[in-house]
Structure formats: structure tokens, C-alpha cells
Protein backbone atom coordinates (compact mmCIF):
# COMPACT_ATOMS: atom_id res chain seq x y z
CA MET A 1 0.00 0.00 0.00
CA ILE A 2 1.29 3.44 -0.96
CA ILE A 3 0.27 6.31 1.31
CA ARG A 4 0.13 9.80 -0.20
CA THR A 5 -0.59 12.82 1.97
CA GLN A 6 -0.60 16.52 1.22
CA ALA A 7 -0.39 19.81 3.05
CA TYR A 8 -0.74 23.30 1.69
CA PRO A 9 0.85 26.74 2.02
CA ARG A 10 -0.78 29.34 4.19
CA ALA A 11 -1.16 33.09 4.21
CA GLY A 12 -1.39 35.11 7.38
CA LEU A 13 -4.28 37.44 6.58
CA VAL A 14 -4.04 39.68 9.63
CA GLY A 15 -2.56 39.75 13.12
CA ASN A 16 0.78 38.18 12.31
CA PRO A 17 3.44 38.20 13.67
CA SER A 18 1.65 38.35 17.03
CA ASP A 19 0.98 34.57 16.96
CA GLY A 20 4.42 33.98 18.48
CA TYR A 21 3.77 36.56 21.20
CA PHE A 22 0.41 35.56 22.74
CA GLY A 23 -1.55 37.46 20.10
CA LYS A 24 -4.40 36.74 17.69
CA THR A 25 -4.35 36.04 13.96
CA ILE A 26 -6.51 35.02 11.02
CA ALA A 27 -4.97 32.82 8.33
CA PHE A 28 -6.05 30.64 5.42
CA ALA A 29 -4.63 27.64 3.56
CA PHE A 30 -4.67 27.57 -0.23
CA SER A 31 -4.10 24.83 -2.81
CA ASN A 32 -2.29 26.62 -5.64
CA PHE A 33 0.82 24.78 -4.39
CA ARG A 34 1.33 21.77 -2.15
CA ALA A 35 3.78 19.58 -0.29
CA GLU A 36 3.30 15.84 -0.73
CA VAL A 37 4.71 12.91 1.22
CA ILE A 38 4.78 9.36 -0.13
CA LEU A 39 5.24 6.47 2.32
CA TYR A 40 5.20 2.71 1.74
CA GLU A 41 6.27 -0.40 3.63
CA THR A 42 9.85 -1.64 3.08
CA PRO A 43 12.22 -4.01 4.93
CA GLU A 44 14.24 -1.11 6.35
CA LEU A 45 13.32 2.43 7.34
CA GLU A 46 14.70 4.79 4.70
CA ILE A 47 14.29 8.50 4.05
CA LEU A 48 14.69 9.13 0.33
CA PRO A 49 16.11 12.44 -0.97
CA SER A 50 14.11 14.81 -3.11
CA GLU A 51 15.27 17.41 -5.61
CA LYS A 52 16.02 19.81 -2.76
CA ASP A 53 18.35 17.26 -1.17
CA ARG A 54 20.48 16.42 -4.19
CA SER A 55 24.26 16.25 -3.89
CA CYS A 56 25.17 15.88 -7.57
CA PHE A 57 25.46 19.02 -9.71
CA THR A 58 26.41 19.88 -13.27
CA SER A 59 28.84 22.60 -12.15
CA ILE A 60 30.07 24.57 -9.17
CA GLN A 61 27.73 27.38 -10.19
CA ALA A 62 24.82 24.95 -10.12
CA LEU A 63 25.77 23.99 -6.57
CA VAL A 64 25.91 27.64 -5.52
CA ASN A 65 22.54 28.32 -7.13
CA ASP A 66 21.03 25.38 -5.29
CA VAL A 67 22.42 26.54 -1.93
CA GLN A 68 21.10 30.06 -2.50
CA LEU A 69 17.65 28.70 -3.26
CA HIS A 70 17.30 25.84 -0.78
CA GLY A 71 20.04 26.41 1.81
CA TYR A 72 22.40 23.71 3.01
CA TYR A 73 20.00 21.30 4.64
CA GLY A 74 17.11 20.50 2.32
CA GLY A 75 14.08 18.67 3.64
CA ILE A 76 15.40 15.35 4.94
CA ARG A 77 15.98 16.92 8.35
CA LEU A 78 12.28 17.92 8.42
CA LEU A 79 11.20 14.31 7.93
CA LYS A 80 13.70 13.03 10.52
CA ALA A 81 12.51 15.55 13.10
CA THR A 82 8.85 14.70 12.45
CA ILE A 83 9.41 10.95 12.73
CA LYS A 84 11.28 11.40 16.01
CA ARG A 85 8.68 13.74 17.49
CA PHE A 86 5.88 11.37 16.38
CA PHE A 87 7.61 8.42 18.05
CA ASP A 88 8.29 10.38 21.24
CA TYR A 89 4.65 11.47 21.48
CA CYS A 90 3.35 7.94 20.98
CA ARG A 91 5.73 6.54 23.59
CA GLU A 92 4.83 9.30 26.06
CA HIS A 93 1.11 8.60 25.63
CA GLN A 94 1.53 4.80 25.61
CA ILE A 95 0.35 4.43 22.03
CA ASP A 96 1.54 1.08 20.68
CA LEU A 97 3.09 1.14 17.20
CA HIS A 98 3.59 -1.91 14.99
CA ASP A 99 7.15 -2.88 14.05
CA LYS A 100 6.90 -2.56 10.26
CA ASN A 101 9.39 -0.31 8.46
CA PHE A 102 8.83 2.14 5.64
CA SER A 103 10.43 4.30 3.00
CA ILE A 104 9.38 7.92 2.86
CA ARG A 105 10.02 10.82 0.52
CA TYR A 106 8.56 14.23 -0.14
CA ASN A 107 8.20 16.74 -2.92
CA SER A 108 6.97 20.31 -2.82
CA ASP A 109 6.32 23.09 -5.29
CA ILE A 110 5.61 25.67 -2.56
CA PRO A 111 7.86 28.69 -3.26
CA HIS A 112 10.80 28.39 -0.89
CA GLY A 113 11.57 30.87 1.86
CA VAL A 114 9.00 33.53 0.97
CA GLY A 115 6.74 33.31 4.01
CA LEU A 116 4.25 30.71 2.79
CA ALA A 117 5.17 28.07 5.40
CA GLY A 118 6.64 25.53 3.00
CA SER A 119 8.72 23.77 5.66
CA SER A 120 5.83 23.24 8.05
CA ALA A 121 3.72 21.98 5.12
CA ILE A 122 6.27 19.19 4.55
CA ILE A 123 6.21 18.32 8.26
CA THR A 124 2.40 18.38 8.35
CA ALA A 125 2.18 16.06 5.34
CA CYS A 126 4.77 13.76 6.93
CA LEU A 127 2.81 13.59 10.19
CA ARG A 128 -0.35 12.71 8.29
CA ALA A 129 1.48 9.91 6.47
CA LEU A 130 2.83 8.50 9.73
CA MET A 131 -0.62 8.53 11.33
CA ALA A 132 -2.02 6.68 8.31
CA PHE A 133 0.78 4.09 8.28
CA TYR A 134 0.48 3.31 11.99
CA GLY A 135 -3.29 3.62 12.11
CA VAL A 136 -3.41 6.31 14.78
CA SER A 137 -5.17 9.65 14.89
CA PHE A 138 -4.44 12.80 16.88
CA PRO A 139 -6.69 15.83 17.41
CA ARG A 140 -5.79 18.64 15.05
CA TYR A 141 -4.59 20.93 17.81
CA VAL A 142 -2.20 18.15 18.87
CA GLN A 143 -1.00 17.83 15.28
CA ALA A 144 -0.26 21.56 15.20
CA ASN A 145 1.70 21.33 18.45
CA LEU A 146 3.71 18.35 17.17
CA VAL A 147 4.63 20.16 13.95
CA LEU A 148 5.73 23.18 15.96
CA ALA A 149 7.78 20.96 18.27
CA ALA A 150 9.50 19.30 15.31
CA GLU A 151 10.62 22.69 14.04
CA ALA A 152 11.24 24.62 17.23
CA GLN A 153 12.50 21.92 19.60
CA GLU A 154 14.11 19.39 17.27
CA LEU A 155 15.52 21.76 14.65
CA HIS A 156 15.65 25.03 16.63
CA ILE A 157 13.83 26.93 13.89
CA PRO A 158 12.11 30.04 15.34
CA ALA A 159 8.39 29.55 14.79
CA GLY A 160 4.98 30.65 15.97
CA LEU A 161 1.92 28.42 16.06
CA GLN A 162 -0.13 30.10 13.32
CA ASP A 163 1.38 28.20 10.37
CA ARG A 164 0.92 24.79 11.93
CA VAL A 165 -2.62 25.49 13.11
CA ILE A 166 -3.93 26.61 9.74
CA GLN A 167 -2.18 23.73 7.99
CA ALA A 168 -3.74 21.27 10.43
CA TYR A 169 -7.26 22.75 10.20
CA GLU A 170 -7.06 24.21 6.67
CA GLY A 171 -9.74 26.58 5.39
CA LEU A 172 -9.93 29.92 7.19
CA VAL A 173 -9.23 30.07 10.94
CA TYR A 174 -9.27 32.73 13.64
CA MET A 175 -6.71 31.95 16.34
CA ASN A 176 -6.38 33.31 19.85
CA PHE A 177 -3.01 32.61 21.50
CA ALA A 178 -3.62 34.64 24.67
CA LYS A 179 -1.15 33.75 27.41
CA GLU A 180 -3.80 32.61 29.88
CA ILE A 181 -5.33 30.30 27.26
CA MET A 182 -1.97 28.83 26.25
CA GLN A 183 -0.96 28.25 29.87
CA LYS A 184 -4.29 26.63 30.74
CA GLN A 185 -4.63 24.16 27.87
CA GLY A 186 -1.30 24.15 26.03
CA TYR A 187 -2.74 25.46 22.79
CA GLY A 188 -4.85 28.38 21.61
CA ASN A 189 -8.53 28.75 20.84
CA TYR A 190 -9.05 28.03 17.15
CA GLU A 191 -12.27 29.05 15.40
CA PRO A 192 -12.82 27.89 11.80
CA MET A 193 -14.64 30.46 9.68
CA ASP A 194 -16.40 30.24 6.34
CA PRO A 195 -13.96 31.23 3.54
CA LYS A 196 -16.94 32.62 1.64
CA LEU A 197 -16.84 35.54 4.08
CA LEU A 198 -13.53 36.73 2.61
CA PRO A 199 -13.19 39.68 0.24
CA LYS A 200 -11.39 39.29 -3.09
CA LEU A 201 -7.81 38.29 -2.28
CA TYR A 202 -4.55 37.98 -4.18
CA ILE A 203 -1.13 36.63 -3.23
CA ALA A 204 2.08 37.89 -4.80
CA TYR A 205 5.57 36.54 -4.31
CA ARG A 206 9.09 36.79 -5.62
CA ASP A 207 11.42 33.80 -5.27
CA ASP A 208 14.59 35.85 -4.96
CA LEU A 209 13.27 37.72 -1.92
CA SER A 210 13.72 34.65 0.27
CA GLU A 211 14.60 35.59 3.84
CA PRO A 212 14.86 33.12 6.76
CA THR A 213 12.34 33.54 9.55
CA GLU A 214 15.10 33.73 12.14
CA LYS A 215 16.72 36.63 10.30
CA PHE A 216 13.47 38.50 9.93
CA HIS A 217 12.56 38.28 13.59
CA ASN A 218 16.12 39.34 14.55
CA ASN A 219 15.99 40.79 18.07
CA ILE A 220 12.22 41.19 18.43
CA ARG A 221 11.92 38.16 20.72
CA HIS A 222 14.51 39.57 23.11
CA ARG A 223 12.91 43.02 23.07
CA PHE A 224 9.47 41.51 23.75
CA GLU A 225 10.74 39.39 26.64
CA GLN A 226 12.44 42.46 28.08
CA GLY A 227 9.07 44.20 28.06
CA GLU A 228 9.98 46.96 25.60
CA SER A 229 6.76 48.96 25.34
CA LYS A 230 7.06 49.63 21.60
CA VAL A 231 7.23 45.92 20.81
CA VAL A 232 4.66 44.82 23.41
CA ASN A 233 2.19 47.44 22.19
CA ALA A 234 2.74 46.40 18.58
CA MET A 235 1.78 42.82 19.44
CA LYS A 236 -1.40 44.09 21.14
CA PHE A 237 -2.12 46.27 18.11
CA TRP A 238 -1.92 43.28 15.74
CA ALA A 239 -4.04 41.10 18.02
CA ASN A 240 -6.68 43.84 18.11
CA LEU A 241 -6.61 44.10 14.31
CA ALA A 242 -7.33 40.38 14.02
CA GLU A 243 -10.31 40.78 16.34
CA LYS A 244 -11.62 43.71 14.31
CA VAL A 245 -11.24 41.89 10.98
CA LYS A 246 -13.04 38.85 12.40
CA LYS A 247 -16.00 41.03 13.37
CA CYS A 248 -16.04 42.69 9.94
CA LEU A 249 -16.03 39.31 8.20
CA LEU A 250 -18.89 37.96 10.32
CA LYS A 251 -20.96 41.10 9.73
CA GLY A 252 -20.17 41.26 6.01
CA GLU A 253 -18.62 44.69 6.48
CA LEU A 254 -15.72 44.26 4.06
CA ASP A 255 -15.03 47.90 3.19
CA GLY A 256 -12.86 48.51 6.25
CA ILE A 257 -10.67 45.42 5.87
CA PRO A 258 -8.18 46.78 3.28
CA ALA A 259 -7.14 49.64 5.57
CA MET A 260 -6.64 47.23 8.45
CA LEU A 261 -4.42 44.96 6.34
CA ASN A 262 -2.35 47.98 5.36
CA ALA A 263 -2.12 49.03 9.00
CA ASN A 264 -0.84 45.54 9.87
CA PHE A 265 2.15 46.05 7.56
CA ASP A 266 2.72 49.68 8.46
CA LYS A 267 3.00 48.81 12.14
CA ARG A 268 5.51 46.09 11.23
CA CYS A 269 7.69 48.70 9.57
CA GLU A 270 7.91 50.55 12.90
CA ILE A 271 9.71 47.78 14.77
CA TYR A 272 11.21 45.52 12.07
CA LYS A 273 13.84 46.30 9.50
CA ILE A 274 12.14 45.64 6.16
CA ALA A 275 14.27 44.80 3.11
CA GLU A 276 14.01 47.43 0.39
CA GLU A 277 12.84 44.87 -2.19
CA ASN A 278 10.02 43.74 0.08
CA LEU A 279 9.00 47.32 0.76
CA ARG A 280 8.98 48.05 -2.97
CA MET A 281 6.67 45.08 -3.59
CA VAL A 282 4.13 46.35 -1.05
CA GLN A 283 4.32 49.88 -2.42
CA ALA A 284 3.82 48.66 -5.99
CA ALA A 285 0.69 46.72 -5.01
CA ARG A 286 -0.73 49.70 -3.15
CA SER A 287 0.00 51.99 -6.11
CA VAL A 288 -2.87 50.39 -8.06
CA GLY A 289 -5.29 50.61 -5.12
CA ALA A 290 -4.82 47.13 -3.65
CA SER A 291 -4.08 46.57 0.02
CA ALA A 292 -0.88 44.70 0.89
CA LYS A 293 0.87 43.06 3.83
CA PHE A 294 3.25 40.14 4.36
CA THR A 295 1.84 36.61 4.33
CA GLY A 296 4.62 35.68 6.75
CA SER A 297 8.17 36.89 7.15
CA GLY A 298 8.67 38.54 3.78
CA GLY A 299 8.98 37.56 0.14
CA ALA A 300 5.22 37.19 -0.35
CA ILE A 301 2.30 39.53 0.24
CA VAL A 302 -1.44 39.13 0.55
CA GLY A 303 -4.07 41.77 0.03
CA THR A 304 -7.46 42.74 -1.31
CA TYR A 305 -8.55 44.09 -4.68
CA THR A 306 -11.90 45.50 -5.71
CA ASP A 307 -12.55 44.11 -9.20
CA GLU A 308 -11.01 42.34 -12.20
CA ARG A 309 -9.75 45.60 -13.66
CA MET A 310 -7.73 46.27 -10.52
CA PHE A 311 -6.45 42.68 -10.46
CA ALA A 312 -5.28 42.94 -14.07
CA ASN A 313 -3.53 46.22 -13.28
CA LEU A 314 -1.99 44.68 -10.17
CA LYS A 315 -0.71 41.68 -12.10
CA LYS A 316 0.72 43.88 -14.87
CA THR A 317 2.45 46.23 -12.41
CA LEU A 318 3.99 43.52 -10.24
CA GLU A 319 5.08 41.27 -13.09
CA LYS A 320 7.22 44.14 -14.38
CA LEU A 321 9.15 43.71 -11.11
CA ASN A 322 9.46 39.94 -11.63
CA ILE A 323 6.75 39.34 -9.03
CA LYS A 324 4.19 36.57 -9.60
CA VAL A 325 0.54 37.19 -8.74
CA ILE A 326 -2.12 34.55 -8.10
CA LYS A 327 -5.66 34.25 -6.80
CA PRO A 328 -5.53 31.81 -3.86
CA LYS A 329 -7.77 28.74 -4.01
CA ILE A 330 -8.86 28.32 -0.39
CA VAL A 331 -8.67 24.73 0.87
CA PRO A 332 -11.93 23.54 2.51
CA GLY A 333 -11.42 23.43 6.26
CA VAL A 334 -12.76 21.33 9.11
CA GLY A 335 -15.94 22.28 10.89
CA THR A 336 -15.02 22.20 14.56
CA ALA A 337 -12.25 23.87 16.48
CA LYS A 338 -10.99 21.03 18.70
CA THR A 339 -11.09 18.02 16.41
């Protein structure tokens, strides 16, 4: 039996990056790209390399190009970390696993390093494949926590919960990571929403604007933990924006959402150092009347547009800057928050 599982990129619609700082966010998963994991029984356990893990190149320049695009580590480490964290969780909770072995590999066409959560999509797909192979099932909030643990604890990749939550639940989700909630239950309150409530959205990205999450967040974590008022207040500002956008969506009051998305990015500029190329991308999108903010840590933006004429103008303007523009296809989500 061959097991195939998928997970999808996500876009932080509003509230990010407060998800890593006890804030609130709204995010959605979309199927224009995907990460896939293939797993099947074999005599020995083997992790097979993908294109991103290759070690044979046509030239030294090809090697350099590959490193610049994918980094030094590829995706095998993501699978290893997920398998270990899965095993540890099952042992801790006295879940018996059969002793069969497997081979596993992944592939992904999610643009790399542009804030669309490609790494956590690979881990999410891997976790789903492992659950299918061993015949076990975890609640989705547990899945999100396990994916976060694989990245943050096993691989020491700075990460907030938003990406893993939306990739576990899919669809459109409002998330509340308030400190008292996290301390009480170990995860946030997650409320799936109807994607049909959303205004017209676009996503734009540029592959060569890749910037690691850890670089983007630079010293913000330290400043937050030290209680710097500018940073603490920014996190509260973003959390409040997420709450306001949620209310607008539920009431069908969409006219005020573009300004709030813009405000999300503008506040980010006050405490983060934004790369000039990323800033230019946002400015170009806004120049045609669209709203614009980061989907994650930079390299991709999400925003609203009013009609097809504006979308065509947006696409034409951004493509002149070598920026790709798509309409996200929202993945159907689950119906309940704690499944």
C-alpha cells in the first residue's frame, strides 16, 4: 500500500506576527501549491532524498545556485525531526506502534523561503502519512503542536503556532493565543470560519526575496521578553486588528478590511527592518489601489482588490518587477475547532 498525503501553504491574513507573542491572527490555507509525502512499507526504514536534497550538480555554479535557493540542509531533516517527534509522542502517551518499516520521501512546489510556510507543510504532510501508516489519529490541535515541536525543539527553527494550526485545520481560521489560554490548555482557541466571508484576495511573491524567519525576527523576541513597550504594544495592536477583521467578516462589512491589512504592515515597519525589495513590492501593489501586507516573514504579500480591472492592473504592475501574482484557491477546512 502506498500512502500519499498533502499539506498546503498558508497566508497570514491579519494579526501576524503576534501569533508567536500571545496574540491573535486570522490565516487561510490555499491549494495553488502543495507539499506531498509518499510512504510505503519496506524491509528497512529509509528516508529518500528529493530534488532539494540532491548532492550531484552539473557545475560549481549549479551547486551555488542550489544553496542560495534551498540552503544547506534541504528537507530530509524535516522528515527526521517529524518521525522522532511522532515516536516520542506515541511513547509518552503509551500508544503502541507496529514494528513494520517504511520508506518515505517528499516533494513540494511551494515557493521556498518567501513566508508561505513551506517547511511546516512538509512536516504536516509527513505527520499525516505516519498517522495513516500506523493507524493512529491525533486531534488537530495536537498535530499543530507536534509540527511546531518538530521545528522549534528538534531543529531550533524560530516559529509561531499560526502556520501549523492553519495547515492542520485548513480553510480559514481565527486563532487566539492569549497567554492565559496557552498556559491553561497548552494550545490556543481556534475558530474555523467560512472562507466565503472573505473579500477578493490575491497573493504575490518573488522567489529571490527569500529571507529566513530567524533573520526576519532578529531581536524582536529579546525586546518583547524584556518588556519593551514599543514591541509589546505592537503585538497588542496586531491582536486587536485580528479581532476587528473577524467582526467585519462575520458582519459582512468588508469595506474597512483593506485599511486594516495595510495598517498591519505599516505597524511592522515601525519595529522591524524591512528589506528594500520587500517594501517596494508592497508599495507597488498599493500603487494600483490594492491593500498589501506580508503573508509571513517577507517575500510574499497578501491583500485585497476590488474588481477584475484592478487585479489585471496589479498583475501587470507587479510582473514588471518579476513578481508573480495569483488568486488563492482556499482549501476547505474542518468544521469544529478542537477536532
